[in-house]
């Protein structure tokens, strides 16, 4: 998985490419832990994400809990496969998902 970070003031966008699974989730978790200080708007651009596992969902949920306290989080452009995972697991009700 590749993570591209774009931070502008209090806005952070994390663009993910590849697979977010048990092997790659710790990398994203580390980025989330170190980069969220002072962030009020967090965006996960999933347009390049091919697959997400429960480990990846856990990282998104952790980020959502942090952002519930300090700002907003939006998931952008999940493909059909990732969108279906969100719907089946109920994450589409927990996360703000925007299909730009």
PDB file of N, CA and C in Angstrom:
ATOM      1  N   UNK A   1       0.851  -1.178   0.000  1.00  0.00           N
ATOM      2  CA  UNK A   1       0.000   0.000   0.000  1.00  0.00           C
ATOM      3  C   UNK A   1       0.894   1.238   0.000  1.00  0.00           C
ATOM      4  N   UNK A   2       0.436   2.244  -0.683  1.00  0.00           N
ATOM      5  CA  UNK A   2       1.127   3.535  -0.698  1.00  0.00           C
ATOM      6  C   UNK A   2       0.237   4.575  -0.027  1.00  0.00           C
ATOM      7  N   UNK A   3       0.834   5.416   0.804  1.00  0.00           N
ATOM      8  CA  UNK A   3       0.120   6.489   1.487  1.00  0.00           C
ATOM      9  C   UNK A   3       0.736   7.811   1.054  1.00  0.00           C
ATOM     10  N   UNK A   4      -0.065   8.663   0.435  1.00  0.00           N
ATOM     11  CA  UNK A   4       0.395  10.008   0.091  1.00  0.00           C
ATOM     12  C   UNK A   4      -0.284  10.982   1.034  1.00  0.00           C
ATOM     13  N   UNK A   5       0.545  11.814   1.683  1.00  0.00           N
ATOM     14  CA  UNK A   5       0.032  12.790   2.649  1.00  0.00           C
ATOM     15  C   UNK A   5       0.065  14.176   2.029  1.00  0.00           C
ATOM     16  N   UNK A   6      -1.018  14.913   2.233  1.00  0.00           N
ATOM     17  CA  UNK A   6      -1.074  16.308   1.811  1.00  0.00           C
ATOM     18  C   UNK A   6      -1.683  17.101   2.969  1.00  0.00           C
ATOM     19  N   UNK A   7      -0.826  17.864   3.645  1.00  0.00           N
ATOM     20  CA  UNK A   7      -1.285  18.636   4.795  1.00  0.00           C
ATOM     21  C   UNK A   7      -1.190  20.114   4.469  1.00  0.00           C
ATOM     22  N   UNK A   8      -2.320  20.795   4.607  1.00  0.00           N
ATOM     23  CA  UNK A   8      -2.402  22.238   4.393  1.00  0.00           C
ATOM     24  C   UNK A   8      -3.091  22.842   5.604  1.00  0.00           C
ATOM     25  N   UNK A   9      -2.324  23.449   6.465  1.00  0.00           N
ATOM     26  CA  UNK A   9      -2.881  24.017   7.691  1.00  0.00           C
ATOM     27  C   UNK A   9      -3.461  22.923   8.561  1.00  0.00           C
ATOM     28  N   UNK A  10      -4.759  23.015   8.830  1.00  0.00           N
ATOM     29  CA  UNK A  10      -5.425  22.026   9.677  1.00  0.00           C
ATOM     30  C   UNK A  10      -6.140  20.951   8.863  1.00  0.00           C
ATOM     31  N   UNK A  11      -5.915  20.938   7.554  1.00  0.00           N
ATOM     32  CA  UNK A  11      -6.534  19.949   6.662  1.00  0.00           C
ATOM     33  C   UNK A  11      -5.502  18.904   6.266  1.00  0.00           C
ATOM     34  N   UNK A  12      -5.852  17.629   6.424  1.00  0.00           N
ATOM     35  CA  UNK A  12      -4.955  16.538   6.048  1.00  0.00           C
ATOM     36  C   UNK A  12      -5.702  15.574   5.145  1.00  0.00           C
ATOM     37  N   UNK A  13      -5.094  15.287   3.995  1.00  0.00           N
ATOM     38  CA  UNK A  13      -5.626  14.271   3.098  1.00  0.00           C
ATOM     39  C   UNK A  13      -4.630  13.140   3.023  1.00  0.00           C
ATOM     40  N   UNK A  14      -5.130  11.923   3.242  1.00  0.00           N
ATOM     41  CA  UNK A  14      -4.333  10.718   3.096  1.00  0.00           C
ATOM     42  C   UNK A  14      -4.893   9.933   1.923  1.00  0.00           C
ATOM     43  N   UNK A  15      -4.132   9.861   0.837  1.00  0.00           N
ATOM     44  CA  UNK A  15      -4.545   9.127  -0.359  1.00  0.00           C
ATOM     45  C   UNK A  15      -3.921   7.740  -0.312  1.00  0.00           C
ATOM     46  N   UNK A  16      -4.766   6.725  -0.338  1.00  0.00           N
ATOM     47  CA  UNK A  16      -4.301   5.345  -0.215  1.00  0.00           C
ATOM     48  C   UNK A  16      -4.387   4.635  -1.553  1.00  0.00           C
ATOM     49  N   UNK A  17      -3.341   3.885  -1.875  1.00  0.00           N
ATOM     50  CA  UNK A  17      -3.293   3.111  -3.105  1.00  0.00           C
ATOM     51  C   UNK A  17      -2.894   1.689  -2.766  1.00  0.00           C
ATOM     52  N   UNK A  18      -3.580   0.717  -3.359  1.00  0.00           N
ATOM     53  CA  UNK A  18      -3.242  -0.692  -3.142  1.00  0.00           C
ATOM     54  C   UNK A  18      -4.233  -1.385  -2.238  1.00  0.00           C
ATOM     55  N   UNK A  19      -3.705  -2.177  -1.307  1.00  0.00           N
ATOM     56  CA  UNK A  19      -4.542  -2.962  -0.398  1.00  0.00           C
ATOM     57  C   UNK A  19      -4.296  -2.535   1.041  1.00  0.00           C
ATOM     58  N   UNK A  20      -5.386  -2.321   1.762  1.00  0.00           N
ATOM     59  CA  UNK A  20      -5.320  -2.007   3.188  1.00  0.00           C
ATOM     60  C   UNK A  20      -5.773  -3.259   3.937  1.00  0.00           C
ATOM     61  N   UNK A  21      -4.796  -4.012   4.421  1.00  0.00           N
ATOM     62  CA  UNK A  21      -5.092  -5.289   5.060  1.00  0.00           C
ATOM     63  C   UNK A  21      -4.245  -5.461   6.322  1.00  0.00           C
ATOM     64  N   UNK A  22      -4.186  -6.667   6.815  1.00  0.00           N
ATOM     65  CA  UNK A  22      -3.458  -6.958   8.053  1.00  0.00           C
ATOM     66  C   UNK A  22      -1.989  -6.555   7.966  1.00  0.00           C
ATOM     67  N   UNK A  23      -1.400  -6.701   6.790  1.00  0.00           N
ATOM     68  CA  UNK A  23       0.019  -6.376   6.630  1.00  0.00           C
ATOM     69  C   UNK A  23       0.273  -4.881   6.533  1.00  0.00           C
ATOM     70  N   UNK A  24      -0.656  -4.125   5.955  1.00  0.00           N
ATOM     71  CA  UNK A  24      -0.432  -2.699   5.707  1.00  0.00           C
ATOM     72  C   UNK A  24      -1.127  -1.782   6.709  1.00  0.00           C
ATOM     73  N   UNK A  25      -2.106  -2.287   7.436  1.00  0.00           N
ATOM     74  CA  UNK A  25      -2.848  -1.460   8.397  1.00  0.00           C
ATOM     75  C   UNK A  25      -1.946  -0.826   9.460  1.00  0.00           C
ATOM     76  N   UNK A  26      -0.936  -1.534   9.976  1.00  0.00           N
ATOM     77  CA  UNK A  26      -0.069  -0.890  10.977  1.00  0.00           C
ATOM     78  C   UNK A  26       0.653   0.351  10.441  1.00  0.00           C
ATOM     79  N   UNK A  27       0.994   0.349   9.175  1.00  0.00           N
ATOM     80  CA  UNK A  27       1.636   1.519   8.569  1.00  0.00           C
ATOM     81  C   UNK A  27       0.685   2.716   8.574  1.00  0.00           C
ATOM     82  N   UNK A  28      -0.568   2.489   8.188  1.00  0.00           N
ATOM     83  CA  UNK A  28      -1.552   3.574   8.194  1.00  0.00           C
ATOM     84  C   UNK A  28      -1.846   4.011   9.625  1.00  0.00           C
ATOM     85  N   UNK A  29      -1.927   3.067  10.526  1.00  0.00           N
ATOM     86  CA  UNK A  29      -2.180   3.395  11.931  1.00  0.00           C
ATOM     87  C   UNK A  29      -1.088   4.313  12.483  1.00  0.00           C
ATOM     88  N   UNK A  30       0.156   4.035  12.127  1.00  0.00           N
ATOM     89  CA  UNK A  30       1.273   4.867  12.584  1.00  0.00           C
ATOM     90  C   UNK A  30       1.172   6.274  12.019  1.00  0.00           C
ATOM     91  N   UNK A  31       0.788   6.395  10.760  1.00  0.00           N
ATOM     92  CA  UNK A  31       0.618   7.714  10.143  1.00  0.00           C
ATOM     93  C   UNK A  31      -0.508   8.470  10.838  1.00  0.00           C
ATOM     94  N   UNK A  32      -1.615   7.796  11.084  1.00  0.00           N
ATOM     95  CA  UNK A  32      -2.755   8.434  11.748  1.00  0.00           C
ATOM     96  C   UNK A  32      -2.344   8.936  13.135  1.00  0.00           C
ATOM     97  N   UNK A  33      -1.618   8.127  13.884  1.00  0.00           N
ATOM     98  CA  UNK A  33      -1.211   8.515  15.245  1.00  0.00           C
ATOM     99  C   UNK A  33      -0.288   9.727  15.244  1.00  0.00           C
ATOM    100  N   UNK A  34       0.588   9.816  14.255  1.00  0.00           N
ATOM    101  CA  UNK A  34       1.578  10.899  14.254  1.00  0.00           C
ATOM    102  C   UNK A  34       1.112  12.162  13.541  1.00  0.00           C
ATOM    103  N   UNK A  35       0.148  12.073  12.661  1.00  0.00           N
ATOM    104  CA  UNK A  35      -0.214  13.212  11.813  1.00  0.00           C
ATOM    105  C   UNK A  35      -1.472  13.974  12.241  1.00  0.00           C
ATOM    106  N   UNK A  36      -2.246  13.454  13.185  1.00  0.00           N
ATOM    107  CA  UNK A  36      -3.537  14.076  13.494  1.00  0.00           C
ATOM    108  C   UNK A  36      -3.471  15.242  14.464  1.00  0.00           C
ATOM    109  N   UNK A  37      -2.319  15.492  15.052  1.00  0.00           N
ATOM    110  CA  UNK A  37      -2.186  16.629  15.967  1.00  0.00           C
ATOM    111  C   UNK A  37      -2.522  17.932  15.253  1.00  0.00           C
ATOM    112  N   UNK A  38      -3.521  18.642  15.738  1.00  0.00           N
ATOM    113  CA  UNK A  38      -3.906  19.924  15.164  1.00  0.00           C
ATOM    114  C   UNK A  38      -4.759  19.846  13.918  1.00  0.00           C
ATOM    115  N   UNK A  39      -5.081  18.644  13.471  1.00  0.00           N
ATOM    116  CA  UNK A  39      -5.902  18.479  12.271  1.00  0.00           C
ATOM    117  C   UNK A  39      -7.377  18.595  12.649  1.00  0.00           C
ATOM    118  N   UNK A  40      -8.111  19.431  11.907  1.00  0.00           N
ATOM    119  CA  UNK A  40      -9.555  19.553  12.138  1.00  0.00           C
ATOM    120  C   UNK A  40     -10.374  18.926  11.012  1.00  0.00           C
ATOM    121  N   UNK A  41      -9.758  18.753   9.856  1.00  0.00           N
ATOM    122  CA  UNK A  41     -10.432  18.131   8.712  1.00  0.00           C
ATOM    123  C   UNK A  41      -9.534  17.041   8.155  1.00  0.00           C
ATOM    124  N   UNK A  42      -9.993  15.803   8.255  1.00  0.00           N
ATOM    125  CA  UNK A  42      -9.235  14.653   7.771  1.00  0.00           C
ATOM    126  C   UNK A  42      -9.994  14.018   6.619  1.00  0.00           C
ATOM    127  N   UNK A  43      -9.281  13.802   5.529  1.00  0.00           N
ATOM    128  CA  UNK A  43      -9.861  13.164   4.348  1.00  0.00           C
ATOM    129  C   UNK A  43      -9.051  11.926   3.999  1.00  0.00           C
ATOM    130  N   UNK A  44      -9.741  10.824   3.791  1.00  0.00           N
ATOM    131  CA  UNK A  44      -9.116   9.617   3.272  1.00  0.00           C
ATOM    132  C   UNK A  44      -9.576   9.473   1.826  1.00  0.00           C
ATOM    133  N   UNK A  45      -8.664   9.655   0.889  1.00  0.00           N
ATOM    134  CA  UNK A  45      -8.980   9.466  -0.526  1.00  0.00           C
ATOM    135  C   UNK A  45      -8.720   8.008  -0.864  1.00  0.00           C
ATOM    136  N   UNK A  46      -9.789   7.250  -1.085  1.00  0.00           N
ATOM    137  CA  UNK A  46      -9.676   5.821  -1.333  1.00  0.00           C
ATOM    138  C   UNK A  46      -9.830   5.468  -2.806  1.00  0.00           C
ATOM    139  N   UNK A  47      -9.732   6.446  -3.686  1.00  0.00           N
ATOM    140  CA  UNK A  47      -9.932   6.182  -5.116  1.00  0.00           C
ATOM    141  C   UNK A  47      -8.934   5.164  -5.657  1.00  0.00           C
ATOM    142  N   UNK A  48      -7.765   5.036  -5.049  1.00  0.00           N
ATOM    143  CA  UNK A  48      -6.767   4.077  -5.504  1.00  0.00           C
ATOM    144  C   UNK A  48      -6.706   2.812  -4.665  1.00  0.00           C
ATOM    145  N   UNK A  49      -7.624   2.672  -3.717  1.00  0.00           N
ATOM    146  CA  UNK A  49      -7.624   1.509  -2.827  1.00  0.00           C
ATOM    147  C   UNK A  49      -8.400   0.368  -3.480  1.00  0.00           C
ATOM    148  N   UNK A  50      -7.738  -0.776  -3.639  1.00  0.00           N
ATOM    149  CA  UNK A  50      -8.358  -1.923  -4.294  1.00  0.00           C
ATOM    150  C   UNK A  50      -9.094  -2.844  -3.336  1.00  0.00           C
ATOM    151  N   UNK A  51      -8.676  -2.824  -2.052  1.00  0.00           N
ATOM    152  CA  UNK A  51      -9.197  -3.797  -1.104  1.00  0.00           C
ATOM    153  C   UNK A  51      -9.031  -3.245   0.301  1.00  0.00           C
ATOM    154  N   UNK A  52     -10.003  -3.568   1.180  1.00  0.00           N
ATOM    155  CA  UNK A  52      -9.880  -3.209   2.594  1.00  0.00           C
ATOM    156  C   UNK A  52     -10.355  -4.390   3.438  1.00  0.00           C
ATOM    157  N   UNK A  53      -9.567  -4.735   4.457  1.00  0.00           N
ATOM    158  CA  UNK A  53      -9.920  -5.830   5.359  1.00  0.00           C
ATOM    159  C   UNK A  53     -10.431  -5.251   6.675  1.00  0.00           C
ATOM    160  N   UNK A  54     -10.751  -6.141   7.595  1.00  0.00           N
ATOM    161  CA  UNK A  54     -11.220  -5.690   8.905  1.00  0.00           C
ATOM    162  C   UNK A  54     -10.135  -4.900   9.637  1.00  0.00           C
ATOM    163  N   UNK A  55      -8.876  -5.229   9.398  1.00  0.00           N
ATOM    164  CA  UNK A  55      -7.778  -4.474  10.022  1.00  0.00           C
ATOM    165  C   UNK A  55      -7.775  -3.037   9.511  1.00  0.00           C
ATOM    166  N   UNK A  56      -8.043  -2.859   8.239  1.00  0.00           N
ATOM    167  CA  UNK A  56      -8.130  -1.518   7.666  1.00  0.00           C
ATOM    168  C   UNK A  56      -9.335  -0.755   8.194  1.00  0.00           C
ATOM    169  N   UNK A  57     -10.449  -1.452   8.340  1.00  0.00           N
ATOM    170  CA  UNK A  57     -11.647  -0.824   8.895  1.00  0.00           C
ATOM    171  C   UNK A  57     -11.386  -0.338  10.319  1.00  0.00           C
ATOM    172  N   UNK A  58     -10.637  -1.125  11.080  1.00  0.00           N
ATOM    173  CA  UNK A  58     -10.319  -0.751  12.461  1.00  0.00           C
ATOM    174  C   UNK A  58      -9.528   0.558  12.509  1.00  0.00           C
ATOM    175  N   UNK A  59      -8.577   0.730  11.576  1.00  0.00           N
ATOM    176  CA  UNK A  59      -7.794   1.962  11.541  1.00  0.00           C
ATOM    177  C   UNK A  59      -8.698   3.153  11.203  1.00  0.00           C
ATOM    178  N   UNK A  60      -9.603   2.972  10.253  1.00  0.00           N
ATOM    179  CA  UNK A  60     -10.533   4.058   9.907  1.00  0.00           C
ATOM    180  C   UNK A  60     -11.427   4.397  11.097  1.00  0.00           C
ATOM    181  N   UNK A  61     -11.873   3.391  11.814  1.00  0.00           N
ATOM    182  CA  UNK A  61     -12.722   3.625  12.987  1.00  0.00           C
ATOM    183  C   UNK A  61     -11.956   4.373  14.075  1.00  0.00           C
ATOM    184  N   UNK A  62     -10.709   4.006  14.288  1.00  0.00           N
ATOM    185  CA  UNK A  62      -9.868   4.698  15.265  1.00  0.00           C
ATOM    186  C   UNK A  62      -9.712   6.171  14.885  1.00  0.00           C
ATOM    187  N   UNK A  63      -9.444   6.423  13.617  1.00  0.00           N
ATOM    188  CA  UNK A  63      -9.304   7.805  13.143  1.00  0.00           C
ATOM    189  C   UNK A  63     -10.618   8.563  13.319  1.00  0.00           C
ATOM    190  N   UNK A  64     -11.740   7.901  13.042  1.00  0.00           N
ATOM    191  CA  UNK A  64     -13.047   8.549  13.189  1.00  0.00           C
ATOM    192  C   UNK A  64     -13.297   8.948  14.636  1.00  0.00           C
ATOM    193  N   UNK A  65     -12.916   8.086  15.584  1.00  0.00           N
ATOM    194  CA  UNK A  65     -13.106   8.397  17.004  1.00  0.00           C
ATOM    195  C   UNK A  65     -12.293   9.626  17.410  1.00  0.00           C
ATOM    196  N   UNK A  66     -11.064   9.726  16.927  1.00  0.00           N
ATOM    197  CA  UNK A  66     -10.232  10.905  17.210  1.00  0.00           C
ATOM    198  C   UNK A  66     -10.859  12.148  16.609  1.00  0.00           C
ATOM    199  N   UNK A  67     -11.296  12.041  15.366  1.00  0.00           N
ATOM    200  CA  UNK A  67     -11.836  13.211  14.672  1.00  0.00           C
ATOM    201  C   UNK A  67     -13.208  13.613  15.208  1.00  0.00           C
ATOM    202  N   UNK A  68     -13.932  12.701  15.818  1.00  0.00           N
ATOM    203  CA  UNK A  68     -15.198  13.075  16.460  1.00  0.00           C
ATOM    204  C   UNK A  68     -14.957  14.109  17.553  1.00  0.00           C
ATOM    205  N   UNK A  69     -13.779  14.088  18.155  1.00  0.00           N
ATOM    206  CA  UNK A  69     -13.425  15.006  19.234  1.00  0.00           C
ATOM    207  C   UNK A  69     -12.845  16.307  18.684  1.00  0.00           C
ATOM    208  N   UNK A  70     -12.010  16.215  17.646  1.00  0.00           N
ATOM    209  CA  UNK A  70     -11.265  17.397  17.215  1.00  0.00           C
ATOM    210  C   UNK A  70     -11.657  17.965  15.861  1.00  0.00           C
ATOM    211  N   UNK A  71     -12.628  17.356  15.194  1.00  0.00           N
ATOM    212  CA  UNK A  71     -13.018  17.907  13.896  1.00  0.00           C
ATOM    213  C   UNK A  71     -13.885  16.962  13.092  1.00  0.00           C
ATOM    214  N   UNK A  72     -13.576  16.855  11.807  1.00  0.00           N
ATOM    215  CA  UNK A  72     -14.386  16.057  10.885  1.00  0.00           C
ATOM    216  C   UNK A  72     -13.514  15.111  10.079  1.00  0.00           C
ATOM    217  N   UNK A  73     -14.093  13.983   9.691  1.00  0.00           N
ATOM    218  CA  UNK A  73     -13.405  13.026   8.838  1.00  0.00           C
ATOM    219  C   UNK A  73     -14.335  12.634   7.706  1.00  0.00           C
ATOM    220  N   UNK A  74     -13.798  12.598   6.503  1.00  0.00           N
ATOM    221  CA  UNK A  74     -14.572  12.206   5.332  1.00  0.00           C
ATOM    222  C   UNK A  74     -13.770  11.191   4.528  1.00  0.00           C
ATOM    223  N   UNK A  75     -14.458  10.155   4.091  1.00  0.00           N
ATOM    224  CA  UNK A  75     -13.871   9.157   3.199  1.00  0.00           C
ATOM    225  C   UNK A  75     -14.316   9.507   1.788  1.00  0.00           C
ATOM    226  N   UNK A  76     -13.338   9.647   0.893  1.00  0.00           N
ATOM    227  CA  UNK A  76     -13.625  10.070  -0.474  1.00  0.00           C
ATOM    228  C   UNK A  76     -13.422   8.934  -1.478  1.00  0.00           C
ATOM    229  N   UNK A  77     -14.315   8.843  -2.422  1.00  0.00           N
ATOM    230  CA  UNK A  77     -14.169   8.033  -3.635  1.00  0.00           C
ATOM    231  C   UNK A  77     -13.861   6.551  -3.453  1.00  0.00           C
ATOM    232  N   UNK A  78     -14.508   5.846  -2.542  1.00  0.00           N
ATOM    233  CA  UNK A  78     -14.239   4.405  -2.485  1.00  0.00           C
ATOM    234  C   UNK A  78     -14.782   3.723  -3.738  1.00  0.00           C
ATOM    235  N   UNK A  79     -14.044   2.723  -4.227  1.00  0.00           N
ATOM    236  CA  UNK A  79     -14.544   2.000  -5.394  1.00  0.00           C
ATOM    237  C   UNK A  79     -15.692   1.088  -4.977  1.00  0.00           C
ATOM    238  N   UNK A  80     -16.252   0.377  -5.931  1.00  0.00           N
ATOM    239  CA  UNK A  80     -17.429  -0.439  -5.670  1.00  0.00           C
ATOM    240  C   UNK A  80     -17.147  -1.546  -4.644  1.00  0.00           C
ATOM    241  N   UNK A  81     -15.975  -2.148  -4.706  1.00  0.00           N
ATOM    242  CA  UNK A  81     -15.623  -3.227  -3.780  1.00  0.00           C
ATOM    243  C   UNK A  81     -15.531  -2.700  -2.351  1.00  0.00           C
ATOM    244  N   UNK A  82     -14.828  -1.590  -2.158  1.00  0.00           N
ATOM    245  CA  UNK A  82     -14.669  -0.997  -0.826  1.00  0.00           C
ATOM    246  C   UNK A  82     -16.022  -0.488  -0.327  1.00  0.00           C
ATOM    247  N   UNK A  83     -16.787   0.120  -1.201  1.00  0.00           N
ATOM    248  CA  UNK A  83     -18.116   0.616  -0.835  1.00  0.00           C
ATOM    249  C   UNK A  83     -18.997  -0.530  -0.336  1.00  0.00           C
ATOM    250  N   UNK A  84     -18.923  -1.680  -0.994  1.00  0.00           N
ATOM    251  CA  UNK A  84     -19.717  -2.838  -0.579  1.00  0.00           C
ATOM    252  C   UNK A  84     -19.284  -3.326   0.810  1.00  0.00           C
ATOM    253  N   UNK A  85     -17.989  -3.319   1.087  1.00  0.00           N
ATOM    254  CA  UNK A  85     -17.497  -3.694   2.418  1.00  0.00           C
ATOM    255  C   UNK A  85     -18.067  -2.737   3.468  1.00  0.00           C
ATOM    256  N   UNK A  86     -18.063  -1.428   3.163  1.00  0.00           N
ATOM    257  CA  UNK A  86     -18.628  -0.443   4.086  1.00  0.00           C
ATOM    258  C   UNK A  86     -20.102  -0.734   4.353  1.00  0.00           C
ATOM    259  N   UNK A  87     -20.848  -1.066   3.306  1.00  0.00           N
ATOM    260  CA  UNK A  87     -22.284  -1.305   3.458  1.00  0.00           C
ATOM    261  C   UNK A  87     -22.564  -2.581   4.250  1.00  0.00           C
ATOM    262  N   UNK A  88     -21.842  -3.658   3.943  1.00  0.00           N
ATOM    263  CA  UNK A  88     -22.063  -4.937   4.613  1.00  0.00           C
ATOM    264  C   UNK A  88     -21.708  -4.856   6.092  1.00  0.00           C
ATOM    265  N   UNK A  89     -20.657  -4.120   6.421  1.00  0.00           N
ATOM    266  CA  UNK A  89     -20.203  -4.029   7.815  1.00  0.00           C
ATOM    267  C   UNK A  89     -20.916  -2.940   8.608  1.00  0.00           C
ATOM    268  N   UNK A  90     -21.688  -2.090   7.939  1.00  0.00           N
ATOM    269  CA  UNK A  90     -22.357  -0.990   8.621  1.00  0.00           C
ATOM    270  C   UNK A  90     -21.499   0.263   8.730  1.00  0.00           C
ATOM    271  N   UNK A  91     -20.286   0.225   8.174  1.00  0.00           N
ATOM    272  CA  UNK A  91     -19.411   1.388   8.241  1.00  0.00           C
ATOM    273  C   UNK A  91     -19.951   2.556   7.418  1.00  0.00           C
ATOM    274  N   UNK A  92     -20.802   2.275   6.453  1.00  0.00           N
ATOM    275  CA  UNK A  92     -21.392   3.372   5.677  1.00  0.00           C
ATOM    276  C   UNK A  92     -22.301   4.228   6.551  1.00  0.00           C
ATOM    277  N   UNK A  93     -22.756   3.682   7.683  1.00  0.00           N
ATOM    278  CA  UNK A  93     -23.565   4.441   8.626  1.00  0.00           C
ATOM    279  C   UNK A  93     -22.707   5.181   9.653  1.00  0.00           C
ATOM    280  N   UNK A  94     -21.484   4.714   9.858  1.00  0.00           N
ATOM    281  CA  UNK A  94     -20.582   5.293  10.853  1.00  0.00           C
ATOM    282  C   UNK A  94     -19.738   6.410  10.240  1.00  0.00           C
ATOM    283  N   UNK A  95     -19.264   6.189   9.016  1.00  0.00           N
ATOM    284  CA  UNK A  95     -18.358   7.121   8.346  1.00  0.00           C
ATOM    285  C   UNK A  95     -19.117   8.055   7.410  1.00  0.00           C
ATOM    286  N   UNK A  96     -18.582   9.236   7.218  1.00  0.00           N
ATOM    287  CA  UNK A  96     -19.090  10.129   6.184  1.00  0.00           C
ATOM    288  C   UNK A  96     -18.362   9.772   4.900  1.00  0.00           C
ATOM    289  N   UNK A  97     -19.116   9.287   3.917  1.00  0.00           N
ATOM    290  CA  UNK A  97     -18.533   8.850   2.656  1.00  0.00           C
ATOM    291  C   UNK A  97     -19.035   9.760   1.549  1.00  0.00           C
ATOM    292  N   UNK A  98     -18.104  10.285   0.771  1.00  0.00           N
ATOM    293  CA  UNK A  98     -18.438  11.198  -0.316  1.00  0.00           C
ATOM    294  C   UNK A  98     -17.953  10.602  -1.618  1.00  0.00           C
ATOM    295  N   UNK A  99     -18.869  10.456  -2.563  1.00  0.00           N
ATOM    296  CA  UNK A  99     -18.556   9.904  -3.881  1.00  0.00           C
ATOM    297  C   UNK A  99     -18.409  11.043  -4.863  1.00  0.00           C
ATOM    298  N   UNK A 100     -17.259  11.716  -4.820  1.00  0.00           N
ATOM    299  CA  UNK A 100     -17.022  12.887  -5.667  1.00  0.00           C
ATOM    300  C   UNK A 100     -16.881  12.468  -7.105  1.00  0.00           C
TER     301      UNK A 100
END
